[in-house]
């Protein structure tokens, strides 16, 4: 379907992903110099988990509280980080190593040597990338930051610093307890404002915004190859793949002429969900214009400008020696380079080239953090 505008949530998402890609590449470059594990970790891991361990070991329960996360979600993150050699759990005797299974809320979580190294890089790197963006975009970024702060200060929910990683419905959050802060890092402002918008969207929707904004958005009643979905959404193959969450909205077919390969199109429920996506995002934005007045329109205008600038593409160019630049690196938690790591490198290079070529056309309309990419996009 032809849509005359891009939802505000999509604009925020695209800039958040662009920022994350730039910072993740620089983190990888610096982390690789230390020869520690964890170079492929993404910014959201710092925002949602590791920063709360920088002061020393804490319990899983305390970590979840400080991170404004459900305990089940925190355990899932920790299972991955433990498998990758970034954290250690005490006592840590259980089945299901590498997953959240069997982790108890009273267990202590501590950083390993790799984790300790990682948490020394992010605190200086985030202000540096913020400064790069300020120099690159000037008044447009100043306006964006001011408008984001105006809305973030008025959000009446206690939200995490980083956008949660979930393809399912978002968790519920309680009333705001912390005081509003000035000078928050740009990714925190983007994440919180986007999350608030997403929560408003999902309040009256049966379909998660992550599905509506990505796979459902790019499909129609005309079948396309299943392999086209990642390219059209800008998401990874794993997060954009057809799982049980998407099954109610699609129909799978085989091309009789080709004899192989799956083709996918929207079902009646999918077409309805696609139409509702645009209706609901318009409704949320109209509500925000009444609540937050000029700040909502200012965010839209500044984000639209940023997405049109060549400087955004320049920032997405990865440094030499990083995976997105074509360097072959092991998967997280591995020392060898297997077939999966080789394929993931090829996918990351293709995704990055598409982002650089046309950020507005290829960046995702809602971030999907991929566990296989260190929770990066």
Protein backbone atom coordinates (compact mmCIF):
# COMPACT_ATOMS: atom_id res chain seq x y z
CA UNK A 1 0.00 0.00 0.00
CA UNK A 2 1.14 3.55 -0.64
CA UNK A 3 1.62 5.64 2.49
CA UNK A 4 2.14 9.41 2.32
CA UNK A 5 4.16 9.61 5.52
CA UNK A 6 6.56 7.61 7.68
CA UNK A 7 5.40 7.04 11.27
CA UNK A 8 7.24 9.00 13.96
CA UNK A 9 8.25 5.70 15.58
CA UNK A 10 9.94 4.64 12.32
CA UNK A 11 11.92 7.89 12.11
CA UNK A 12 13.14 7.53 15.72
CA UNK A 13 13.97 3.86 15.12
CA UNK A 14 16.07 4.58 12.05
CA UNK A 15 18.17 7.19 13.82
CA UNK A 16 18.58 4.95 16.88
CA UNK A 17 19.79 2.07 14.70
CA UNK A 18 22.16 4.37 12.78
CA UNK A 19 23.67 5.63 16.05
CA UNK A 20 23.96 2.08 17.39
CA UNK A 21 25.72 0.79 14.27
CA UNK A 22 28.27 3.61 14.38
CA UNK A 23 28.98 3.15 18.07
CA UNK A 24 29.09 -0.66 17.86
CA UNK A 25 31.68 -0.55 15.10
CA UNK A 26 33.92 1.78 17.10
CA UNK A 27 33.46 -0.37 20.21
CA UNK A 28 34.45 -3.47 18.22
CA UNK A 29 37.56 -1.74 16.87
CA UNK A 30 38.71 -0.73 20.36
CA UNK A 31 37.78 -4.00 22.01
CA UNK A 32 39.68 -6.04 19.41
CA UNK A 33 42.88 -4.19 20.31
CA UNK A 34 42.61 -5.64 23.83
CA UNK A 35 42.32 -9.21 22.49
CA UNK A 36 39.53 -9.89 24.96
CA UNK A 37 36.28 -11.71 24.18
CA UNK A 38 33.14 -9.64 23.58
CA UNK A 39 34.17 -7.31 20.76
CA UNK A 40 30.86 -7.90 19.00
CA UNK A 41 28.70 -6.76 21.94
CA UNK A 42 26.22 -4.02 21.12
CA UNK A 43 25.42 -0.76 22.88
CA UNK A 44 22.10 -2.06 24.23
CA UNK A 45 24.01 -4.63 26.35
CA UNK A 46 25.74 -1.77 28.14
CA UNK A 47 22.57 0.27 28.57
CA UNK A 48 20.45 -2.63 29.83
CA UNK A 49 22.92 -4.86 31.71
CA UNK A 50 26.64 -4.29 32.00
CA UNK A 51 26.70 -0.72 33.32
CA UNK A 52 24.99 -1.98 36.48
CA UNK A 53 27.82 -4.46 37.11
CA UNK A 54 30.63 -1.92 36.81
CA UNK A 55 30.61 -1.28 40.56
CA UNK A 56 31.02 -4.93 41.51
CA UNK A 57 28.95 -8.12 41.82
CA UNK A 58 25.21 -7.82 42.47
CA UNK A 59 22.37 -10.32 42.56
CA UNK A 60 20.27 -11.14 39.53
CA UNK A 61 17.27 -9.63 41.33
CA UNK A 62 19.12 -6.37 42.05
CA UNK A 63 20.33 -6.19 38.46
CA UNK A 64 16.78 -6.56 37.13
CA UNK A 65 15.56 -3.83 39.48
CA UNK A 66 18.28 -1.37 38.53
CA UNK A 67 17.86 -2.12 34.84
CA UNK A 68 14.04 -1.74 35.04
CA UNK A 69 13.68 -5.23 33.58
CA UNK A 70 11.62 -8.31 34.35
CA UNK A 71 13.68 -11.02 36.08
CA UNK A 72 12.96 -13.47 33.26
CA UNK A 73 14.31 -11.01 30.72
CA UNK A 74 17.41 -10.29 32.79
CA UNK A 75 18.10 -14.01 33.10
CA UNK A 76 17.87 -14.45 29.33
CA UNK A 77 20.43 -11.67 28.79
CA UNK A 78 22.72 -13.11 31.45
CA UNK A 79 22.56 -16.59 29.95
CA UNK A 80 23.96 -15.22 26.68
CA UNK A 81 26.60 -13.06 28.36
CA UNK A 82 27.74 -16.01 30.46
CA UNK A 83 28.09 -18.22 27.39
CA UNK A 84 30.14 -15.49 25.69
CA UNK A 85 32.51 -15.22 28.66
CA UNK A 86 31.51 -11.69 29.65
CA UNK A 87 29.88 -12.43 33.04
CA UNK A 88 30.06 -15.25 35.58
CA UNK A 89 27.25 -16.41 37.84
CA UNK A 90 27.73 -17.66 41.38
CA UNK A 91 27.15 -20.39 42.39
CA UNK A 92 26.31 -21.09 38.73
CA UNK A 93 25.58 -24.84 39.06
CA UNK A 94 22.58 -25.64 36.89
CA UNK A 95 21.41 -27.19 33.66
CA UNK A 96 20.97 -25.17 30.50
CA UNK A 97 24.33 -23.38 30.43
CA UNK A 98 24.17 -20.46 28.04
CA UNK A 99 20.46 -19.86 28.51
CA UNK A 100 18.39 -18.28 31.25
CA UNK A 101 17.23 -21.70 32.43
CA UNK A 102 18.00 -22.48 36.04
CA UNK A 103 19.39 -19.06 36.97
CA UNK A 104 18.15 -18.00 40.40
CA UNK A 105 17.30 -14.46 41.43
CA UNK A 106 19.60 -14.53 44.48
CA UNK A 107 22.70 -15.58 42.53
CA UNK A 108 25.51 -13.07 42.23
CA UNK A 109 26.57 -11.76 38.83
CA UNK A 110 30.12 -10.53 38.29
CA UNK A 111 32.11 -9.37 35.31
CA UNK A 112 34.87 -11.57 33.88
CA UNK A 113 38.14 -10.07 32.67
CA UNK A 114 36.54 -9.52 29.25
CA UNK A 115 33.54 -7.88 30.86
CA UNK A 116 35.76 -5.62 32.95
CA UNK A 117 37.55 -4.50 29.79
CA UNK A 118 34.30 -3.86 27.94
CA UNK A 119 32.85 -1.65 30.68
CA UNK A 120 35.90 0.62 30.57
CA UNK A 121 35.24 1.42 26.89
CA UNK A 122 31.56 2.41 26.75
CA UNK A 123 31.56 5.30 29.30
CA UNK A 124 34.04 7.32 27.20
CA UNK A 125 32.77 6.12 23.83
CA UNK A 126 29.16 7.25 24.21
CA UNK A 127 30.05 10.94 24.84
CA UNK A 128 32.51 10.72 21.94
CA UNK A 129 29.84 9.51 19.49
CA UNK A 130 27.41 12.10 20.89
CA UNK A 131 30.06 14.75 20.18
CA UNK A 132 30.62 13.43 16.66
CA UNK A 133 26.91 13.73 15.96
CA UNK A 134 26.76 17.25 17.40
CA UNK A 135 29.58 18.38 15.10
CA UNK A 136 28.13 16.50 12.14
CA UNK A 137 24.53 17.69 12.38
CA UNK A 138 24.81 20.99 14.26
CA UNK A 139 21.54 22.83 14.92
CA UNK A 140 19.40 19.92 13.66
CA UNK A 141 20.76 17.69 16.41
CA UNK A 142 20.43 20.44 19.00
CA UNK A 143 16.75 20.77 18.10
CA UNK A 144 16.28 17.02 18.15
CA UNK A 145 17.88 16.63 21.55
CA UNK A 146 15.88 19.51 23.02
CA UNK A 147 12.61 18.10 21.68
CA UNK A 148 13.40 14.56 22.86
CA UNK A 149 14.19 15.88 26.34
CA UNK A 150 10.93 17.83 26.44
CA UNK A 151 9.00 14.61 25.87
CA UNK A 152 11.23 12.32 27.97
CA UNK A 153 10.83 14.62 30.97
CA UNK A 154 7.04 14.26 30.74
CA UNK A 155 6.86 10.47 30.35
CA UNK A 156 5.12 9.17 33.45
CA UNK A 157 6.60 5.66 33.30
CA UNK A 158 9.82 4.27 34.78
CA UNK A 159 11.61 3.15 31.62
CA UNK A 160 14.97 1.43 31.03
CA UNK A 161 17.86 3.26 29.42
CA UNK A 162 17.95 0.92 26.43
CA UNK A 163 15.13 -0.38 24.25
CA UNK A 164 14.22 -3.94 25.36
CA UNK A 165 15.00 -6.79 23.00
CA UNK A 166 11.68 -8.40 22.20
CA UNK A 167 9.71 -9.39 19.13
CA UNK A 168 6.73 -10.11 21.34
CA UNK A 169 4.52 -7.62 23.14
CA UNK A 170 6.47 -5.18 25.27
CA UNK A 171 6.52 -5.61 29.07
CA UNK A 172 4.55 -3.33 31.36
CA UNK A 173 6.30 -0.55 33.27
CA UNK A 174 5.29 1.09 36.52
CA UNK A 175 4.91 4.79 37.38
CA UNK A 176 8.00 6.96 37.16
CA UNK A 177 10.09 7.06 40.32
CA UNK A 178 13.30 8.70 39.13
CA UNK A 179 13.63 12.43 38.57
CA UNK A 180 14.00 13.76 35.04
CA UNK A 181 17.62 14.39 34.05
CA UNK A 182 19.16 16.85 31.63
CA UNK A 183 22.02 15.81 29.39
CA UNK A 184 21.14 12.15 28.95
CA UNK A 185 23.05 10.42 26.12
CA UNK A 186 21.31 10.60 22.77
CA UNK A 187 20.66 6.82 22.55
CA UNK A 188 18.92 6.89 25.95
CA UNK A 189 16.66 9.74 24.85
CA UNK A 190 15.86 8.02 21.55
CA UNK A 191 15.22 4.68 23.27
CA UNK A 192 12.92 6.04 25.94
CA UNK A 193 10.85 8.20 23.61
CA UNK A 194 10.56 5.34 21.12
CA UNK A 195 9.57 2.93 23.88
CA UNK A 196 6.91 5.32 25.16
CA UNK A 197 5.49 5.60 21.63
CA UNK A 198 5.58 1.81 21.21
CA UNK A 199 3.77 1.29 24.51
CA UNK A 200 1.05 3.70 23.42
CA UNK A 201 0.78 1.79 20.15
CA UNK A 202 0.53 -1.62 21.79
CA UNK A 203 -1.96 -0.52 24.42
CA UNK A 204 -4.80 -1.06 21.94
CA UNK A 205 -3.14 -3.43 19.50
CA UNK A 206 -3.05 -7.23 19.38
CA UNK A 207 -0.03 -7.10 17.06
CA UNK A 208 3.41 -6.09 18.41
CA UNK A 209 4.85 -2.96 16.84
CA UNK A 210 8.05 -4.88 16.05
CA UNK A 211 6.13 -7.12 13.64
CA UNK A 212 3.87 -4.38 12.28
CA UNK A 213 6.71 -1.97 11.53
CA UNK A 214 8.95 -4.52 9.84
CA UNK A 215 7.76 -7.77 8.21
CA UNK A 216 4.05 -6.93 8.03
CA UNK A 217 4.84 -3.48 6.64
CA UNK A 218 6.91 -4.75 3.70
CA UNK A 219 4.55 -7.56 2.65
CA UNK A 220 1.37 -7.37 0.59
CA UNK A 221 -1.21 -9.71 -0.93
CA UNK A 222 1.30 -10.41 -3.73
CA UNK A 223 3.75 -13.22 -2.88
CA UNK A 224 7.48 -12.49 -2.62
CA UNK A 225 10.40 -14.84 -1.80
CA UNK A 226 10.79 -15.38 1.93
CA UNK A 227 14.45 -14.39 1.59
CA UNK A 228 13.38 -10.87 0.56
CA UNK A 229 12.04 -9.96 4.01
CA UNK A 230 15.43 -9.14 5.65
CA UNK A 231 16.47 -6.99 2.69
CA UNK A 232 13.18 -5.07 2.68
CA UNK A 233 13.04 -4.54 6.45
CA UNK A 234 16.74 -3.88 7.11
CA UNK A 235 16.64 -6.44 9.94
CA UNK A 236 18.85 -9.50 10.38
CA UNK A 237 17.90 -12.83 8.85
CA UNK A 238 17.25 -14.29 12.31
CA UNK A 239 14.96 -11.53 13.58
CA UNK A 240 13.15 -11.07 10.25
CA UNK A 241 12.65 -14.79 9.66
CA UNK A 242 9.24 -16.41 9.66
CA UNK A 243 8.64 -17.68 13.16
CA UNK A 244 5.50 -18.59 15.03
CA UNK A 245 4.92 -14.93 15.94
CA UNK A 246 4.42 -14.02 12.27
CA UNK A 247 2.45 -17.11 11.20
CA UNK A 248 -1.06 -15.68 11.92
CA UNK A 249 -0.42 -12.80 9.52
CA UNK A 250 1.00 -14.58 6.47
CA UNK A 251 0.41 -17.32 3.94
CA UNK A 252 3.32 -19.47 2.76
CA UNK A 253 3.36 -20.82 -0.78
CA UNK A 254 5.73 -22.54 -3.18
CA UNK A 255 6.37 -21.29 -6.69
CA UNK A 256 5.30 -24.11 -9.01
CA UNK A 257 7.57 -22.76 -11.75
CA UNK A 258 10.67 -22.83 -9.52
CA UNK A 259 9.81 -25.97 -7.62
CA UNK A 260 11.69 -24.83 -4.53
CA UNK A 261 11.88 -21.92 -2.15
CA UNK A 262 9.08 -20.42 -0.08
CA UNK A 263 7.01 -17.42 -1.07
CA UNK A 264 5.11 -15.35 1.44
CA UNK A 265 2.19 -12.93 1.30
CA UNK A 266 -0.13 -11.34 3.82
CA UNK A 267 -3.20 -13.20 5.00
CA UNK A 268 -6.46 -11.38 5.63
CA UNK A 269 -5.33 -10.88 9.24
CA UNK A 270 -2.00 -9.53 7.98
CA UNK A 271 -3.61 -6.98 5.69
CA UNK A 272 -5.77 -5.85 8.59
CA UNK A 273 -2.72 -5.58 10.87
CA UNK A 274 -0.85 -3.58 8.22
CA UNK A 275 -3.71 -1.07 7.88
CA UNK A 276 -4.00 -0.84 11.66
CA UNK A 277 -0.27 -0.12 11.94
CA UNK A 278 -0.61 3.11 10.00
CA UNK A 279 -3.89 4.04 11.69
CA UNK A 280 -2.52 3.46 15.19
CA UNK A 281 0.77 5.26 14.60
CA UNK A 282 -1.16 8.25 13.25
CA UNK A 283 -3.44 8.17 16.29
CA UNK A 284 -0.53 8.02 18.73
CA UNK A 285 1.21 10.90 16.99
CA UNK A 286 -2.00 12.97 17.05
CA UNK A 287 -2.30 12.26 20.79
CA UNK A 288 1.33 13.28 21.31
CA UNK A 289 0.80 16.56 19.48
CA UNK A 290 -1.85 17.41 22.05
CA UNK A 291 0.27 16.24 25.00
CA UNK A 292 3.70 17.48 23.97
CA UNK A 293 2.71 20.20 21.50
CA UNK A 294 5.54 21.58 19.34
CA UNK A 295 8.09 18.99 20.52
CA UNK A 296 6.41 16.22 18.51
CA UNK A 297 6.56 18.11 15.23
CA UNK A 298 10.09 19.32 15.93
CA UNK A 299 11.25 15.73 16.40
CA UNK A 300 9.64 14.70 13.12
CA UNK A 301 11.23 17.59 11.21
CA UNK A 302 14.73 17.14 12.64
CA UNK A 303 14.71 13.35 12.18
CA UNK A 304 13.54 13.71 8.58
CA UNK A 305 16.38 16.16 7.93
CA UNK A 306 19.00 13.88 9.50
CA UNK A 307 17.89 10.92 7.41
CA UNK A 308 18.43 12.94 4.22
CA UNK A 309 21.97 14.05 5.01
CA UNK A 310 25.07 12.50 3.52
CA UNK A 311 26.73 12.84 6.91
CA UNK A 312 24.50 10.07 8.26
CA UNK A 313 25.84 7.71 5.59
CA UNK A 314 29.38 8.81 6.43
CA UNK A 315 28.88 7.82 10.05
CA UNK A 316 27.62 4.39 9.02
CA UNK A 317 30.87 3.59 7.21
CA UNK A 318 32.56 0.98 9.42
CA UNK A 319 36.22 1.26 10.44
CA UNK A 320 38.68 -1.15 8.83
CA UNK A 321 39.15 -4.37 10.74
CA UNK A 322 35.53 -4.63 11.91
CA UNK A 323 33.03 -7.26 10.88
CA UNK A 324 30.77 -4.78 9.09
CA UNK A 325 33.80 -3.68 7.06
CA UNK A 326 34.36 -7.27 5.93
CA UNK A 327 36.81 -8.59 8.52
CA UNK A 328 36.22 -12.24 9.33
CA UNK A 329 35.84 -12.65 13.07
CA UNK A 330 34.70 -15.49 15.34
CA UNK A 331 31.20 -15.60 16.75
CA UNK A 332 30.77 -14.38 20.32
CA UNK A 333 32.10 -16.92 22.78
CA UNK A 334 34.12 -18.74 20.08
CA UNK A 335 37.78 -18.71 19.09
CA UNK A 336 37.35 -20.47 15.77
CA UNK A 337 35.58 -19.16 12.67
CA UNK A 338 32.76 -21.46 11.62
CA UNK A 339 30.30 -21.42 8.70
CA UNK A 340 27.73 -19.46 10.72
CA UNK A 341 30.27 -16.72 11.46
CA UNK A 342 31.22 -16.49 7.78
CA UNK A 343 27.59 -16.17 6.72
CA UNK A 344 26.89 -13.61 9.44
CA UNK A 345 29.82 -11.52 8.23
CA UNK A 346 28.45 -11.54 4.69
CA UNK A 347 25.01 -10.57 5.96
CA UNK A 348 26.42 -7.71 8.05
CA UNK A 349 28.44 -6.34 5.14
CA UNK A 350 25.39 -6.39 2.85
CA UNK A 351 23.20 -4.78 5.51
CA UNK A 352 25.76 -2.06 6.19
CA UNK A 353 26.21 -1.26 2.50
CA UNK A 354 22.43 -0.89 2.14
CA UNK A 355 22.28 1.39 5.20
CA UNK A 356 25.06 3.60 3.79
CA UNK A 357 23.53 3.72 0.30
CA UNK A 358 20.07 4.78 1.44
CA UNK A 359 19.59 5.19 5.21
CA UNK A 360 15.98 6.39 4.94
CA UNK A 361 15.07 3.51 2.64
CA UNK A 362 16.90 0.63 4.34
CA UNK A 363 17.19 1.26 8.10
CA UNK A 364 14.58 -0.72 10.09
CA UNK A 365 11.32 0.92 11.10
CA UNK A 366 11.64 -0.62 14.57
CA UNK A 367 14.87 -1.99 16.08
CA UNK A 368 15.12 -5.76 16.47
CA UNK A 369 18.15 -6.64 18.59
CA UNK A 370 19.68 -9.92 17.40
CA UNK A 371 21.22 -12.16 20.07
CA UNK A 372 23.53 -13.64 17.41
CA UNK A 373 24.89 -10.13 16.78
CA UNK A 374 25.62 -9.36 20.42
CA UNK A 375 22.12 -7.83 20.59
CA UNK A 376 22.98 -5.43 17.78
CA UNK A 377 20.72 -4.61 14.81
